[in-house]
Amino acid sequence: MTKDVAAVRVRTPYKEVVRVLDERGVSSLPVLDDEGQLVGVVSEADILGETPGARPRGLLRHGGSAARRARERAKRLSAQGVMSAPAVTVRDDDSIAAAARTLLGRELKAAPVVDDHGALVGIVARRDLLRRYLRSDSEIREEVQREVFMRVLWADPERFEIDVHDGIVVLKGTLEQRSAIPVAVHLTQAVDGVVDVIDQLGYEVDDTHTRPAFRMPR
């Protein structure tokens, strides 16, 4: 995620929107209202009146009928007049997989990132997601041990096998409580670089029911 986000206001003049797009080298900009809340996104496609992905970046500075139409509209339009609303967003606590599904499912190159209150905190692009998958298996394993088992579950990581191959994590071992298994899986899935998680964890006590149980590790 990029936290240094270029954004425009709903009243930002059309030509200023074009200038920011060009100077920042981005294909879209978040649009904020007078209170600073995210209300939409304006892209090159919005400005040129084209469908997403129809033309390559840089068309704004060249000739052609679409560019001429854009110049004719420049005097009378603002960001509010050309933006797409509501904005398609990604939550700041979304996993990489969830963010990727949002971008790919809506055919977007990037999307604003918002917090629990809907406030803009950054922007995530496809290249950001790809970059995170470049982490080594050893880095992923160390973070799962440290952040998931030691920091959150307060479990001795030496009691568990955490195998990582090409970003796929296999969790083996026995936790004290059954309710801790989905927590371990969910937190592991959220670790940068994790492609998938295979749960082979067992438990000693089934705390989801009144009577104790035992589940053998797979």
Protein backbone atom coordinates (compact mmCIF):
# COMPACT_ATOMS: atom_id res chain seq x y z
CA MET A 1 0.00 0.00 0.00
CA THR A 2 1.16 3.53 -0.78
CA LYS A 3 0.40 6.01 2.00
CA ASP A 4 1.55 9.10 0.11
CA VAL A 5 -1.72 9.40 -1.80
CA ALA A 6 -2.47 12.08 -4.36
CA ALA A 7 -6.16 13.01 -4.04
CA VAL A 8 -8.44 15.72 -5.35
CA ARG A 9 -11.56 17.39 -3.99
CA VAL A 10 -15.01 17.28 -5.53
CA ARG A 11 -14.63 20.92 -6.61
CA THR A 12 -11.16 20.47 -8.10
CA PRO A 13 -11.27 21.85 -11.69
CA TYR A 14 -11.11 19.34 -14.51
CA LYS A 15 -7.78 20.65 -15.82
CA GLU A 16 -6.23 20.37 -12.35
CA VAL A 17 -7.33 16.74 -12.15
CA VAL A 18 -5.63 16.08 -15.49
CA ARG A 19 -2.48 17.84 -14.30
CA VAL A 20 -2.26 15.79 -11.09
CA LEU A 21 -2.85 12.54 -12.98
CA ASP A 22 -0.06 13.41 -15.38
CA GLU A 23 2.45 14.74 -12.84
CA ARG A 24 2.00 11.87 -10.39
CA GLY A 25 2.11 9.25 -13.14
CA VAL A 26 -1.03 7.50 -11.91
CA SER A 27 -4.10 6.28 -13.74
CA SER A 28 -6.67 7.28 -11.09
CA LEU A 29 -7.19 9.59 -8.12
CA PRO A 30 -9.41 9.37 -5.01
CA VAL A 31 -11.98 12.19 -4.76
CA LEU A 32 -12.75 13.67 -1.33
CA ASP A 33 -15.67 15.82 -0.22
CA ASP A 34 -15.38 19.02 1.82
CA GLU A 35 -15.08 16.97 5.04
CA GLY A 36 -12.27 14.85 3.62
CA GLN A 37 -14.39 11.74 3.15
CA LEU A 38 -13.86 9.51 0.13
CA VAL A 39 -16.78 9.88 -2.28
CA GLY A 40 -15.44 8.56 -5.58
CA VAL A 41 -12.54 7.95 -7.92
CA VAL A 42 -11.63 9.77 -11.11
CA SER A 43 -9.54 7.97 -13.72
CA GLU A 44 -8.16 8.59 -17.18
CA ALA A 45 -10.97 6.41 -18.47
CA ASP A 46 -13.54 8.67 -16.77
CA ILE A 47 -11.97 11.77 -18.27
CA LEU A 48 -11.71 10.40 -21.77
CA GLY A 49 -15.15 8.86 -21.68
CA GLU A 50 -13.71 5.44 -22.41
CA THR A 51 -14.23 2.08 -20.75
CA PRO A 52 -11.50 0.99 -18.31
CA GLY A 53 -8.42 -0.31 -20.05
CA ALA A 54 -9.50 0.84 -23.50
CA ARG A 55 -6.55 3.19 -24.03
CA PRO A 56 -3.01 3.29 -22.66
CA ARG A 57 -1.75 5.89 -20.21
CA GLY A 58 -0.37 9.07 -21.73
CA LEU A 59 -3.26 9.70 -24.11
CA LEU A 60 -4.07 12.87 -22.21
CA ARG A 61 -1.09 14.63 -23.77
CA HIS A 62 -1.66 13.52 -27.33
CA GLY A 63 -4.08 14.23 -30.12
CA GLY A 64 -7.07 12.22 -31.26
CA SER A 65 -10.81 12.64 -31.03
CA ALA A 66 -11.01 11.47 -27.41
CA ALA A 67 -8.37 13.99 -26.36
CA ARG A 68 -10.19 16.77 -28.22
CA ARG A 69 -13.43 15.89 -26.45
CA ALA A 70 -11.56 16.01 -23.16
CA ARG A 71 -10.25 19.52 -23.90
CA GLU A 72 -13.73 20.74 -24.86
CA ARG A 73 -15.14 19.57 -21.55
CA ALA A 74 -12.28 21.06 -19.51
CA LYS A 75 -13.80 24.50 -19.04
CA ARG A 76 -17.05 23.30 -17.49
CA LEU A 77 -16.27 20.16 -15.49
CA SER A 78 -14.85 19.39 -12.06
CA ALA A 79 -13.75 16.15 -10.42
CA GLN A 80 -17.30 15.58 -9.19
CA GLY A 81 -18.61 15.78 -12.72
CA VAL A 82 -16.40 13.00 -14.08
CA MET A 83 -15.70 10.71 -11.12
CA SER A 84 -17.03 7.19 -10.67
CA ALA A 85 -19.07 6.83 -7.49
CA PRO A 86 -19.28 5.19 -5.08
CA ALA A 87 -15.61 4.29 -4.99
CA VAL A 88 -14.56 0.64 -5.04
CA THR A 89 -12.36 0.34 -1.95
CA VAL A 90 -10.12 -2.06 -0.08
CA ARG A 91 -10.11 -2.24 3.72
CA ASP A 92 -6.81 -1.66 5.49
CA ASP A 93 -7.24 -5.01 7.28
CA ASP A 94 -8.01 -6.98 4.11
CA SER A 95 -5.69 -9.84 3.26
CA ILE A 96 -3.60 -9.73 0.10
CA ALA A 97 -5.91 -12.31 -1.45
CA ALA A 98 -9.02 -10.25 -0.65
CA ALA A 99 -7.46 -7.08 -2.07
CA ALA A 100 -6.41 -8.95 -5.20
CA ARG A 101 -9.94 -10.32 -5.68
CA THR A 102 -11.33 -6.78 -5.45
CA LEU A 103 -8.93 -5.38 -8.04
CA LEU A 104 -9.20 -8.28 -10.45
CA GLY A 105 -12.94 -8.71 -10.03
CA ARG A 106 -13.60 -5.06 -10.90
CA GLU A 107 -10.81 -4.88 -13.50
CA LEU A 108 -9.02 -2.11 -11.60
CA LYS A 109 -5.33 -1.22 -11.64
CA ALA A 110 -5.58 0.34 -8.18
CA ALA A 111 -8.10 1.10 -5.44
CA PRO A 112 -8.26 3.43 -2.40
CA VAL A 113 -7.64 1.86 1.00
CA VAL A 114 -9.94 2.92 3.86
CA ASP A 115 -10.05 2.28 7.61
CA ASP A 116 -12.99 1.21 9.78
CA HIS A 117 -14.43 4.72 9.60
CA GLY A 118 -14.21 4.96 5.81
CA ALA A 119 -11.33 7.43 5.95
CA LEU A 120 -8.74 7.28 3.19
CA VAL A 121 -5.43 5.87 4.44
CA GLY A 122 -3.67 4.88 1.22
CA ILE A 123 -3.99 3.33 -2.19
CA VAL A 124 -3.10 -0.19 -3.30
CA ALA A 125 -2.10 -1.17 -6.83
CA ARG A 126 -1.69 -4.55 -8.47
CA ARG A 127 2.08 -4.12 -8.47
CA ASP A 128 2.00 -3.63 -4.67
CA LEU A 129 0.27 -6.98 -4.25
CA LEU A 130 2.68 -8.73 -6.58
CA ARG A 131 5.65 -7.27 -4.71
CA ARG A 132 4.47 -8.78 -1.44
CA TYR A 133 4.46 -12.26 -2.92
CA LEU A 134 8.21 -11.98 -3.46
CA ARG A 135 8.96 -12.76 0.20
CA SER A 136 11.01 -15.87 0.79
CA ASP A 137 9.54 -18.97 2.43
CA SER A 138 11.92 -18.56 5.39
CA GLU A 139 10.73 -14.98 5.99
CA ILE A 140 7.12 -16.14 5.94
CA ARG A 141 7.83 -19.02 8.33
CA GLU A 142 9.64 -16.74 10.80
CA GLU A 143 6.76 -14.25 10.84
CA VAL A 144 4.15 -16.97 11.38
CA GLN A 145 6.19 -18.34 14.28
CA ARG A 146 6.77 -14.94 15.84
CA GLU A 147 3.53 -13.05 15.19
CA VAL A 148 0.92 -15.82 15.12
CA PHE A 149 2.09 -18.50 17.55
CA MET A 150 4.23 -16.54 19.98
CA ARG A 151 2.69 -13.07 20.02
CA VAL A 152 -1.02 -13.86 19.62
CA LEU A 153 -1.54 -17.49 20.65
CA TRP A 154 1.19 -17.50 23.32
CA ALA A 155 2.18 -20.94 22.11
CA ASP A 156 5.62 -22.49 21.92
CA PRO A 157 6.40 -22.55 18.17
CA GLU A 158 8.77 -25.49 18.75
CA ARG A 159 5.71 -27.66 19.40
CA PHE A 160 4.44 -27.06 15.88
CA GLU A 161 5.59 -27.79 12.38
CA ILE A 162 5.29 -24.76 10.11
CA ASP A 163 6.22 -25.84 6.61
CA VAL A 164 6.29 -23.25 3.83
CA HIS A 165 6.84 -24.00 0.16
CA ASP A 166 6.23 -21.40 -2.57
CA GLY A 167 4.12 -19.38 -0.15
CA ILE A 168 1.85 -22.31 0.81
CA VAL A 169 1.89 -22.79 4.60
CA VAL A 170 1.15 -26.14 6.25
CA LEU A 171 0.36 -25.93 9.98
CA LYS A 172 0.85 -29.11 12.06
CA GLY A 173 0.68 -29.69 15.80
CA THR A 174 -1.78 -29.65 18.69
CA LEU A 175 -3.25 -26.52 20.24
CA GLU A 176 -4.81 -26.55 23.69
CA GLN A 177 -8.19 -25.20 22.56
CA ARG A 178 -10.23 -25.89 19.43
CA SER A 179 -11.25 -22.22 19.13
CA ALA A 180 -7.60 -21.27 18.57
CA ILE A 181 -7.38 -23.19 15.28
CA PRO A 182 -9.41 -20.76 13.10
CA VAL A 183 -7.50 -17.89 14.73
CA ALA A 184 -4.18 -19.43 13.76
CA VAL A 185 -5.34 -20.10 10.21
CA HIS A 186 -6.83 -16.62 9.72
CA LEU A 187 -3.77 -14.81 11.06
CA THR A 188 -1.45 -16.95 8.95
CA GLN A 189 -3.49 -16.15 5.84
CA ALA A 190 -3.00 -12.44 6.60
CA VAL A 191 0.81 -12.69 6.59
CA ASP A 192 2.34 -10.98 3.56
CA GLY A 193 3.44 -13.48 0.95
CA VAL A 194 1.14 -16.31 2.02
CA VAL A 195 -0.61 -17.88 -0.95
CA ASP A 196 -2.64 -20.51 0.92
CA VAL A 197 -2.85 -22.21 4.33
CA ILE A 198 -3.34 -25.94 4.86
CA ASP A 199 -4.74 -26.65 8.32
CA GLN A 200 -3.50 -29.90 9.88
CA LEU A 201 -3.77 -28.70 13.47
CA GLY A 202 -5.27 -30.72 16.32
CA TYR A 203 -6.67 -29.67 19.70
CA GLU A 204 -6.82 -31.03 23.26
CA VAL A 205 -10.01 -29.38 24.49
CA ASP A 206 -13.12 -28.59 22.47
CA ASP A 207 -14.02 -25.31 24.12
CA THR A 208 -16.75 -24.69 21.55
CA HIS A 209 -18.91 -27.25 23.43
CA THR A 210 -19.48 -27.99 27.08
CA ARG A 211 -17.79 -31.39 27.18
CA PRO A 212 -14.04 -31.82 26.51
CA ALA A 213 -12.92 -33.56 23.33
CA PHE A 214 -9.75 -34.53 21.61
CA ARG A 215 -8.97 -34.15 17.94
CA MET A 216 -5.97 -35.99 16.59
CA PRO A 217 -3.68 -33.92 14.37
CA ARG A 218 -4.20 -34.73 10.71
